[in-house]
Amino acid sequence: MNRSKKIAALGALAAGLIYAVVAYAYPMPGPGQEVYVVYYSTSARTTEVGVRAISHDSACDSWHVSWGSTTPYTRVFTTNCIMNGGEEF
């Protein structure tokens, strides 16, 4: 393989890795928050096809949920954690 083909292959690999990181990125929650990204099948946003969610802080427990497919059609929700006594954090 000549030098230009190696450079092109490395460029394609780098572009693929960058896309993989950006495609699944969503905002990180602040202390005492949960972030939900809901993915929909079309721009009408009527049929859910996947969810990514993450929680942060000891009141929420740290967790990450991921199911279904990702698409360009999303809604992002940020909520406050509910403590054991039913109060918001």
PDB file of N, CA and C in Angstrom:
ATOM      1  N   MET A   1       0.864  -1.167   0.000  1.00  0.00           N
ATOM      2  CA  MET A   1       0.000   0.000   0.000  1.00  0.00           C
ATOM      3  C   MET A   1       0.915   1.236   0.000  1.00  0.00           C
ATOM      4  N   ASN A   2       0.633   2.164  -0.926  1.00  0.00           N
ATOM      5  CA  ASN A   2       1.491   3.347  -0.964  1.00  0.00           C
ATOM      6  C   ASN A   2       1.084   4.359   0.103  1.00  0.00           C
ATOM      7  N   ARG A   3       1.906   5.384   0.244  1.00  0.00           N
ATOM      8  CA  ARG A   3       1.735   6.368   1.328  1.00  0.00           C
ATOM      9  C   ARG A   3       0.387   7.075   1.270  1.00  0.00           C
ATOM     10  N   SER A   4      -0.065   7.493   0.090  1.00  0.00           N
ATOM     11  CA  SER A   4      -1.329   8.239  -0.017  1.00  0.00           C
ATOM     12  C   SER A   4      -2.525   7.364   0.358  1.00  0.00           C
ATOM     13  N   LYS A   5      -2.478   6.079   0.055  1.00  0.00           N
ATOM     14  CA  LYS A   5      -3.567   5.182   0.441  1.00  0.00           C
ATOM     15  C   LYS A   5      -3.598   4.977   1.957  1.00  0.00           C
ATOM     16  N   LYS A   6      -2.422   4.902   2.578  1.00  0.00           N
ATOM     17  CA  LYS A   6      -2.362   4.772   4.030  1.00  0.00           C
ATOM     18  C   LYS A   6      -2.935   6.009   4.708  1.00  0.00           C
ATOM     19  N   ILE A   7      -2.595   7.186   4.192  1.00  0.00           N
ATOM     20  CA  ILE A   7      -3.105   8.432   4.763  1.00  0.00           C
ATOM     21  C   ILE A   7      -4.623   8.513   4.591  1.00  0.00           C
ATOM     22  N   ALA A   8      -5.115   8.112   3.431  1.00  0.00           N
ATOM     23  CA  ALA A   8      -6.559   8.122   3.188  1.00  0.00           C
ATOM     24  C   ALA A   8      -7.272   7.150   4.123  1.00  0.00           C
ATOM     25  N   ALA A   9      -6.693   5.983   4.343  1.00  0.00           N
ATOM     26  CA  ALA A   9      -7.295   4.990   5.230  1.00  0.00           C
ATOM     27  C   ALA A   9      -7.313   5.500   6.679  1.00  0.00           C
ATOM     28  N   LEU A  10      -6.228   6.120   7.115  1.00  0.00           N
ATOM     29  CA  LEU A  10      -6.197   6.682   8.467  1.00  0.00           C
ATOM     30  C   LEU A  10      -7.198   7.823   8.613  1.00  0.00           C
ATOM     31  N   GLY A  11      -7.347   8.636   7.578  1.00  0.00           N
ATOM     32  CA  GLY A  11      -8.329   9.724   7.605  1.00  0.00           C
ATOM     33  C   GLY A  11      -9.746   9.183   7.715  1.00  0.00           C
ATOM     34  N   ALA A  12     -10.041   8.133   6.961  1.00  0.00           N
ATOM     35  CA  ALA A  12     -11.372   7.519   7.019  1.00  0.00           C
ATOM     36  C   ALA A  12     -11.633   6.915   8.392  1.00  0.00           C
ATOM     37  N   LEU A  13     -10.630   6.278   8.972  1.00  0.00           N
ATOM     38  CA  LEU A  13     -10.767   5.706  10.304  1.00  0.00           C
ATOM     39  C   LEU A  13     -11.012   6.807  11.337  1.00  0.00           C
ATOM     40  N   ALA A  14     -10.245   7.882  11.258  1.00  0.00           N
ATOM     41  CA  ALA A  14     -10.418   8.994  12.200  1.00  0.00           C
ATOM     42  C   ALA A  14     -11.810   9.611  12.063  1.00  0.00           C
ATOM     43  N   ALA A  15     -12.283   9.790  10.840  1.00  0.00           N
ATOM     44  CA  ALA A  15     -13.622  10.351  10.621  1.00  0.00           C
ATOM     45  C   ALA A  15     -14.688   9.435  11.205  1.00  0.00           C
ATOM     46  N   GLY A  16     -14.534   8.143  11.044  1.00  0.00           N
ATOM     47  CA  GLY A  16     -15.485   7.185  11.604  1.00  0.00           C
ATOM     48  C   GLY A  16     -15.512   7.218  13.123  1.00  0.00           C
ATOM     49  N   LEU A  17     -14.347   7.315  13.739  1.00  0.00           N
ATOM     50  CA  LEU A  17     -14.284   7.388  15.205  1.00  0.00           C
ATOM     51  C   LEU A  17     -14.912   8.674  15.722  1.00  0.00           C
ATOM     52  N   ILE A  18     -14.648   9.778  15.056  1.00  0.00           N
ATOM     53  CA  ILE A  18     -15.252  11.054  15.462  1.00  0.00           C
ATOM     54  C   ILE A  18     -16.764  10.977  15.340  1.00  0.00           C
ATOM     55  N   TYR A  19     -17.270  10.421  14.244  1.00  0.00           N
ATOM     56  CA  TYR A  19     -18.713  10.286  14.063  1.00  0.00           C
ATOM     57  C   TYR A  19     -19.316   9.420  15.159  1.00  0.00           C
ATOM     58  N   ALA A  20     -18.655   8.341  15.506  1.00  0.00           N
ATOM     59  CA  ALA A  20     -19.180   7.436  16.538  1.00  0.00           C
ATOM     60  C   ALA A  20     -19.293   8.143  17.883  1.00  0.00           C
ATOM     61  N   VAL A  21     -18.326   8.974  18.207  1.00  0.00           N
ATOM     62  CA  VAL A  21     -18.374   9.691  19.480  1.00  0.00           C
ATOM     63  C   VAL A  21     -19.458  10.762  19.452  1.00  0.00           C
ATOM     64  N   VAL A  22     -19.544  11.532  18.388  1.00  0.00           N
ATOM     65  CA  VAL A  22     -20.506  12.631  18.300  1.00  0.00           C
ATOM     66  C   VAL A  22     -21.927  12.113  18.151  1.00  0.00           C
ATOM     67  N   ALA A  23     -22.131  11.040  17.443  1.00  0.00           N
ATOM     68  CA  ALA A  23     -23.477  10.528  17.172  1.00  0.00           C
ATOM     69  C   ALA A  23     -24.202  10.105  18.447  1.00  0.00           C
ATOM     70  N   TYR A  24     -23.467   9.677  19.459  1.00  0.00           N
ATOM     71  CA  TYR A  24     -24.104   9.216  20.684  1.00  0.00           C
ATOM     72  C   TYR A  24     -23.931  10.194  21.843  1.00  0.00           C
ATOM     73  N   ALA A  25     -23.449  11.391  21.546  1.00  0.00           N
ATOM     74  CA  ALA A  25     -23.224  12.383  22.595  1.00  0.00           C
ATOM     75  C   ALA A  25     -24.542  13.034  23.016  1.00  0.00           C
ATOM     76  N   TYR A  26     -24.663  13.309  24.289  1.00  0.00           N
ATOM     77  CA  TYR A  26     -25.793  14.069  24.809  1.00  0.00           C
ATOM     78  C   TYR A  26     -25.313  14.808  26.041  1.00  0.00           C
ATOM     79  N   PRO A  27     -26.041  15.807  26.476  1.00  0.00           N
ATOM     80  CA  PRO A  27     -25.546  16.619  27.588  1.00  0.00           C
ATOM     81  C   PRO A  27     -25.413  15.818  28.875  1.00  0.00           C
ATOM     82  N   MET A  28     -24.365  16.098  29.617  1.00  0.00           N
ATOM     83  CA  MET A  28     -24.162  15.449  30.911  1.00  0.00           C
ATOM     84  C   MET A  28     -25.020  16.147  31.949  1.00  0.00           C
ATOM     85  N   PRO A  29     -25.611  15.393  32.871  1.00  0.00           N
ATOM     86  CA  PRO A  29     -26.437  16.016  33.909  1.00  0.00           C
ATOM     87  C   PRO A  29     -25.578  16.746  34.929  1.00  0.00           C
ATOM     88  N   GLY A  30     -26.150  17.784  35.505  1.00  0.00           N
ATOM     89  CA  GLY A  30     -25.506  18.468  36.614  1.00  0.00           C
ATOM     90  C   GLY A  30     -25.772  17.692  37.893  1.00  0.00           C
ATOM     91  N   PRO A  31     -25.236  18.154  39.011  1.00  0.00           N
ATOM     92  CA  PRO A  31     -25.482  17.462  40.283  1.00  0.00           C
ATOM     93  C   PRO A  31     -26.979  17.383  40.590  1.00  0.00           C
ATOM     94  N   GLY A  32     -27.447  16.203  40.911  1.00  0.00           N
ATOM     95  CA  GLY A  32     -28.852  16.018  41.254  1.00  0.00           C
ATOM     96  C   GLY A  32     -29.790  16.049  40.067  1.00  0.00           C
ATOM     97  N   GLN A  33     -29.289  15.751  38.865  1.00  0.00           N
ATOM     98  CA  GLN A  33     -30.124  15.788  37.664  1.00  0.00           C
ATOM     99  C   GLN A  33     -30.062  14.472  36.896  1.00  0.00           C
ATOM    100  N   GLU A  34     -31.095  14.271  36.086  1.00  0.00           N
ATOM    101  CA  GLU A  34     -31.163  13.159  35.136  1.00  0.00           C
ATOM    102  C   GLU A  34     -31.388  13.754  33.755  1.00  0.00           C
ATOM    103  N   VAL A  35     -30.715  13.213  32.738  1.00  0.00           N
ATOM    104  CA  VAL A  35     -30.895  13.666  31.359  1.00  0.00           C
ATOM    105  C   VAL A  35     -31.416  12.495  30.536  1.00  0.00           C
ATOM    106  N   TYR A  36     -32.485  12.749  29.780  1.00  0.00           N
ATOM    107  CA  TYR A  36     -33.079  11.746  28.900  1.00  0.00           C
ATOM    108  C   TYR A  36     -33.032  12.254  27.473  1.00  0.00           C
ATOM    109  N   VAL A  37     -32.576  11.409  26.545  1.00  0.00           N
ATOM    110  CA  VAL A  37     -32.634  11.702  25.118  1.00  0.00           C
ATOM    111  C   VAL A  37     -33.547  10.647  24.513  1.00  0.00           C
ATOM    112  N   VAL A  38     -34.681  11.072  23.968  1.00  0.00           N
ATOM    113  CA  VAL A  38     -35.651  10.158  23.365  1.00  0.00           C
ATOM    114  C   VAL A  38     -35.507  10.264  21.848  1.00  0.00           C
ATOM    115  N   TYR A  39     -35.362   9.132  21.184  1.00  0.00           N
ATOM    116  CA  TYR A  39     -35.197   9.081  19.731  1.00  0.00           C
ATOM    117  C   TYR A  39     -36.510   8.652  19.084  1.00  0.00           C
ATOM    118  N   TYR A  40     -36.869   9.301  17.982  1.00  0.00           N
ATOM    119  CA  TYR A  40     -38.123   9.048  17.273  1.00  0.00           C
ATOM    120  C   TYR A  40     -37.842   8.566  15.855  1.00  0.00           C
ATOM    121  N   SER A  41     -38.806   7.871  15.270  1.00  0.00           N
ATOM    122  CA  SER A  41     -38.631   7.299  13.935  1.00  0.00           C
ATOM    123  C   SER A  41     -38.658   8.347  12.825  1.00  0.00           C
ATOM    124  N   THR A  42     -39.418   9.433  13.006  1.00  0.00           N
ATOM    125  CA  THR A  42     -39.523  10.476  11.972  1.00  0.00           C
ATOM    126  C   THR A  42     -39.495  11.856  12.624  1.00  0.00           C
ATOM    127  N   SER A  43     -39.464  12.878  11.793  1.00  0.00           N
ATOM    128  CA  SER A  43     -39.452  14.249  12.309  1.00  0.00           C
ATOM    129  C   SER A  43     -40.764  14.628  12.992  1.00  0.00           C
ATOM    130  N   ALA A  44     -41.826  13.859  12.777  1.00  0.00           N
ATOM    131  CA  ALA A  44     -43.100  14.127  13.465  1.00  0.00           C
ATOM    132  C   ALA A  44     -42.997  13.814  14.963  1.00  0.00           C
ATOM    133  N   ARG A  45     -42.018  13.020  15.338  1.00  0.00           N
ATOM    134  CA  ARG A  45     -41.756  12.663  16.737  1.00  0.00           C
ATOM    135  C   ARG A  45     -42.980  12.045  17.434  1.00  0.00           C
ATOM    136  N   THR A  46     -43.560  11.073  16.777  1.00  0.00           N
ATOM    137  CA  THR A  46     -44.721  10.393  17.361  1.00  0.00           C
ATOM    138  C   THR A  46     -44.406   8.969  17.820  1.00  0.00           C
ATOM    139  N   THR A  47     -43.427   8.318  17.204  1.00  0.00           N
ATOM    140  CA  THR A  47     -43.104   6.937  17.546  1.00  0.00           C
ATOM    141  C   THR A  47     -41.689   6.859  18.113  1.00  0.00           C
ATOM    142  N   GLU A  48     -41.581   6.490  19.402  1.00  0.00           N
ATOM    143  CA  GLU A  48     -40.275   6.347  20.035  1.00  0.00           C
ATOM    144  C   GLU A  48     -39.595   5.081  19.532  1.00  0.00           C
ATOM    145  N   VAL A  49     -38.291   5.191  19.225  1.00  0.00           N
ATOM    146  CA  VAL A  49     -37.529   4.020  18.787  1.00  0.00           C
ATOM    147  C   VAL A  49     -36.311   3.760  19.669  1.00  0.00           C
ATOM    148  N   GLY A  50     -36.025   4.674  20.617  1.00  0.00           N
ATOM    149  CA  GLY A  50     -34.892   4.473  21.501  1.00  0.00           C
ATOM    150  C   GLY A  50     -34.797   5.538  22.566  1.00  0.00           C
ATOM    151  N   VAL A  51     -34.010   5.244  23.598  1.00  0.00           N
ATOM    152  CA  VAL A  51     -33.790   6.184  24.702  1.00  0.00           C
ATOM    153  C   VAL A  51     -32.355   6.024  25.192  1.00  0.00           C
ATOM    154  N   ARG A  52     -31.745   7.144  25.521  1.00  0.00           N
ATOM    155  CA  ARG A  52     -30.475   7.171  26.232  1.00  0.00           C
ATOM    156  C   ARG A  52     -30.715   8.049  27.451  1.00  0.00           C
ATOM    157  N   ALA A  53     -30.305   7.607  28.620  1.00  0.00           N
ATOM    158  CA  ALA A  53     -30.528   8.379  29.839  1.00  0.00           C
ATOM    159  C   ALA A  53     -29.345   8.195  30.776  1.00  0.00           C
ATOM    160  N   ILE A  54     -29.063   9.240  31.554  1.00  0.00           N
ATOM    161  CA  ILE A  54     -27.977   9.176  32.518  1.00  0.00           C
ATOM    162  C   ILE A  54     -28.343  10.007  33.741  1.00  0.00           C
ATOM    163  N   SER A  55     -27.897   9.554  34.896  1.00  0.00           N
ATOM    164  CA  SER A  55     -28.153  10.246  36.157  1.00  0.00           C
ATOM    165  C   SER A  55     -26.824  10.504  36.839  1.00  0.00           C
ATOM    166  N   HIS A  56     -26.781  11.561  37.676  1.00  0.00           N
ATOM    167  CA  HIS A  56     -25.527  11.940  38.309  1.00  0.00           C
ATOM    168  C   HIS A  56     -25.782  12.406  39.733  1.00  0.00           C
ATOM    169  N   ASP A  57     -24.987  11.941  40.662  1.00  0.00           N
ATOM    170  CA  ASP A  57     -24.942  12.391  42.044  1.00  0.00           C
ATOM    171  C   ASP A  57     -25.409  11.291  42.977  1.00  0.00           C
ATOM    172  N   SER A  58     -25.048  11.421  44.228  1.00  0.00           N
ATOM    173  CA  SER A  58     -25.392  10.369  45.187  1.00  0.00           C
ATOM    174  C   SER A  58     -26.890  10.315  45.475  1.00  0.00           C
ATOM    175  N   ALA A  59     -27.603  11.434  45.356  1.00  0.00           N
ATOM    176  CA  ALA A  59     -29.046  11.431  45.603  1.00  0.00           C
ATOM    177  C   ALA A  59     -29.783  10.657  44.515  1.00  0.00           C
ATOM    178  N   CYS A  60     -29.237  10.660  43.306  1.00  0.00           N
ATOM    179  CA  CYS A  60     -29.872   9.968  42.171  1.00  0.00           C
ATOM    180  C   CYS A  60     -29.319   8.565  41.998  1.00  0.00           C
ATOM    181  N   ASP A  61     -28.158   8.324  42.561  1.00  0.00           N
ATOM    182  CA  ASP A  61     -27.343   7.172  42.197  1.00  0.00           C
ATOM    183  C   ASP A  61     -26.894   7.402  40.760  1.00  0.00           C
ATOM    184  N   SER A  62     -25.705   7.026  40.429  1.00  0.00           N
ATOM    185  CA  SER A  62     -25.217   7.196  39.068  1.00  0.00           C
ATOM    186  C   SER A  62     -25.621   5.986  38.249  1.00  0.00           C
ATOM    187  N   TRP A  63     -26.264   6.216  37.121  1.00  0.00           N
ATOM    188  CA  TRP A  63     -26.689   5.124  36.258  1.00  0.00           C
ATOM    189  C   TRP A  63     -26.775   5.599  34.814  1.00  0.00           C
ATOM    190  N   HIS A  64     -26.821   4.655  33.897  1.00  0.00           N
ATOM    191  CA  HIS A  64     -26.928   4.932  32.471  1.00  0.00           C
ATOM    192  C   HIS A  64     -27.848   3.893  31.856  1.00  0.00           C
ATOM    193  N   VAL A  65     -28.829   4.338  31.076  1.00  0.00           N
ATOM    194  CA  VAL A  65     -29.773   3.434  30.416  1.00  0.00           C
ATOM    195  C   VAL A  65     -29.687   3.676  28.916  1.00  0.00           C
ATOM    196  N   SER A  66     -29.717   2.600  28.151  1.00  0.00           N
ATOM    197  CA  SER A  66     -29.659   2.713  26.699  1.00  0.00           C
ATOM    198  C   SER A  66     -30.456   1.571  26.087  1.00  0.00           C
ATOM    199  N   TRP A  67     -31.453   1.898  25.250  1.00  0.00           N
ATOM    200  CA  TRP A  67     -32.189   0.850  24.541  1.00  0.00           C
ATOM    201  C   TRP A  67     -32.647   1.384  23.201  1.00  0.00           C
ATOM    202  N   GLY A  68     -32.871   0.510  22.259  1.00  0.00           N
ATOM    203  CA  GLY A  68     -33.415   0.867  20.958  1.00  0.00           C
ATOM    204  C   GLY A  68     -32.405   1.479  20.016  1.00  0.00           C
ATOM    205  N   SER A  69     -32.925   2.218  19.042  1.00  0.00           N
ATOM    206  CA  SER A  69     -32.128   2.810  17.973  1.00  0.00           C
ATOM    207  C   SER A  69     -31.923   4.296  18.197  1.00  0.00           C
ATOM    208  N   THR A  70     -30.895   4.829  17.556  1.00  0.00           N
ATOM    209  CA  THR A  70     -30.705   6.271  17.538  1.00  0.00           C
ATOM    210  C   THR A  70     -31.059   6.793  16.154  1.00  0.00           C
ATOM    211  N   THR A  71     -31.613   7.987  16.101  1.00  0.00           N
ATOM    212  CA  THR A  71     -31.976   8.644  14.846  1.00  0.00           C
ATOM    213  C   THR A  71     -31.656  10.136  14.988  1.00  0.00           C
ATOM    214  N   PRO A  72     -31.769  10.886  13.915  1.00  0.00           N
ATOM    215  CA  PRO A  72     -31.556  12.334  14.028  1.00  0.00           C
ATOM    216  C   PRO A  72     -32.710  13.059  14.724  1.00  0.00           C
ATOM    217  N   TYR A  73     -33.823  12.375  14.957  1.00  0.00           N
ATOM    218  CA  TYR A  73     -35.033  13.012  15.500  1.00  0.00           C
ATOM    219  C   TYR A  73     -35.105  12.757  16.997  1.00  0.00           C
ATOM    220  N   THR A  74     -34.783  13.774  17.795  1.00  0.00           N
ATOM    221  CA  THR A  74     -34.679  13.594  19.243  1.00  0.00           C
ATOM    222  C   THR A  74     -35.407  14.697  20.006  1.00  0.00           C
ATOM    223  N   ARG A  75     -35.620  14.409  21.264  1.00  0.00           N
ATOM    224  CA  ARG A  75     -36.024  15.392  22.268  1.00  0.00           C
ATOM    225  C   ARG A  75     -35.156  15.123  23.486  1.00  0.00           C
ATOM    226  N   VAL A  76     -34.671  16.175  24.116  1.00  0.00           N
ATOM    227  CA  VAL A  76     -33.816  16.053  25.291  1.00  0.00           C
ATOM    228  C   VAL A  76     -34.557  16.636  26.486  1.00  0.00           C
ATOM    229  N   PHE A  77     -34.599  15.878  27.572  1.00  0.00           N
ATOM    230  CA  PHE A  77     -35.261  16.301  28.797  1.00  0.00           C
ATOM    231  C   PHE A  77     -34.252  16.266  29.944  1.00  0.00           C
ATOM    232  N   THR A  78     -34.254  17.278  30.778  1.00  0.00           N
ATOM    233  CA  THR A  78     -33.442  17.298  31.993  1.00  0.00           C
ATOM    234  C   THR A  78     -34.394  17.462  33.174  1.00  0.00           C
ATOM    235  N   THR A  79     -34.281  16.568  34.155  1.00  0.00           N
ATOM    236  CA  THR A  79     -35.152  16.636  35.335  1.00  0.00           C
ATOM    237  C   THR A  79     -34.304  16.591  36.595  1.00  0.00           C
ATOM    238  N   ASN A  80     -34.885  17.047  37.693  1.00  0.00           N
ATOM    239  CA  ASN A  80     -34.227  16.939  38.992  1.00  0.00           C
ATOM    240  C   ASN A  80     -34.516  15.562  39.576  1.00  0.00           C
ATOM    241  N   CYS A  81     -33.551  15.023  40.309  1.00  0.00           N
ATOM    242  CA  CYS A  81     -33.717  13.710  40.939  1.00  0.00           C
ATOM    243  C   CYS A  81     -34.725  13.791  42.079  1.00  0.00           C
ATOM    244  N   ILE A  82     -35.401  12.710  42.302  1.00  0.00           N
ATOM    245  CA  ILE A  82     -36.328  12.579  43.433  1.00  0.00           C
ATOM    246  C   ILE A  82     -35.611  11.807  44.530  1.00  0.00           C
ATOM    247  N   MET A  83     -35.559  12.374  45.703  1.00  0.00           N
ATOM    248  CA  MET A  83     -34.914  11.697  46.836  1.00  0.00           C
ATOM    249  C   MET A  83     -35.864  10.649  47.403  1.00  0.00           C
ATOM    250  N   ASN A  84     -35.381   9.805  48.269  1.00  0.00           N
ATOM    251  CA  ASN A  84     -36.179   8.721  48.838  1.00  0.00           C
ATOM    252  C   ASN A  84     -37.453   9.209  49.520  1.00  0.00           C
ATOM    253  N   GLY A  85     -37.436  10.379  50.140  1.00  0.00           N
ATOM    254  CA  GLY A  85     -38.607  10.904  50.824  1.00  0.00           C
ATOM    255  C   GLY A  85     -39.623  11.522  49.893  1.00  0.00           C
ATOM    256  N   GLY A  86     -39.376  11.506  48.577  1.00  0.00           N
ATOM    257  CA  GLY A  86     -40.312  12.061  47.613  1.00  0.00           C
ATOM    258  C   GLY A  86     -40.045  13.520  47.278  1.00  0.00           C
ATOM    259  N   GLU A  87     -39.033  14.118  47.913  1.00  0.00           N
ATOM    260  CA  GLU A  87     -38.690  15.508  47.621  1.00  0.00           C
ATOM    261  C   GLU A  87     -37.692  15.565  46.474  1.00  0.00           C
ATOM    262  N   GLU A  88     -37.738  16.687  45.722  1.00  0.00           N
ATOM    263  CA  GLU A  88     -36.750  16.869  44.670  1.00  0.00           C
ATOM    264  C   GLU A  88     -35.421  17.224  45.302  1.00  0.00           C
ATOM    265  N   PHE A  89     -34.353  16.823  44.634  1.00  0.00           N
ATOM    266  CA  PHE A  89     -33.015  17.119  45.107  1.00  0.00           C
ATOM    267  C   PHE A  89     -32.746  18.594  44.902  1.00  0.00           C
TER     268      PHE A  89
END
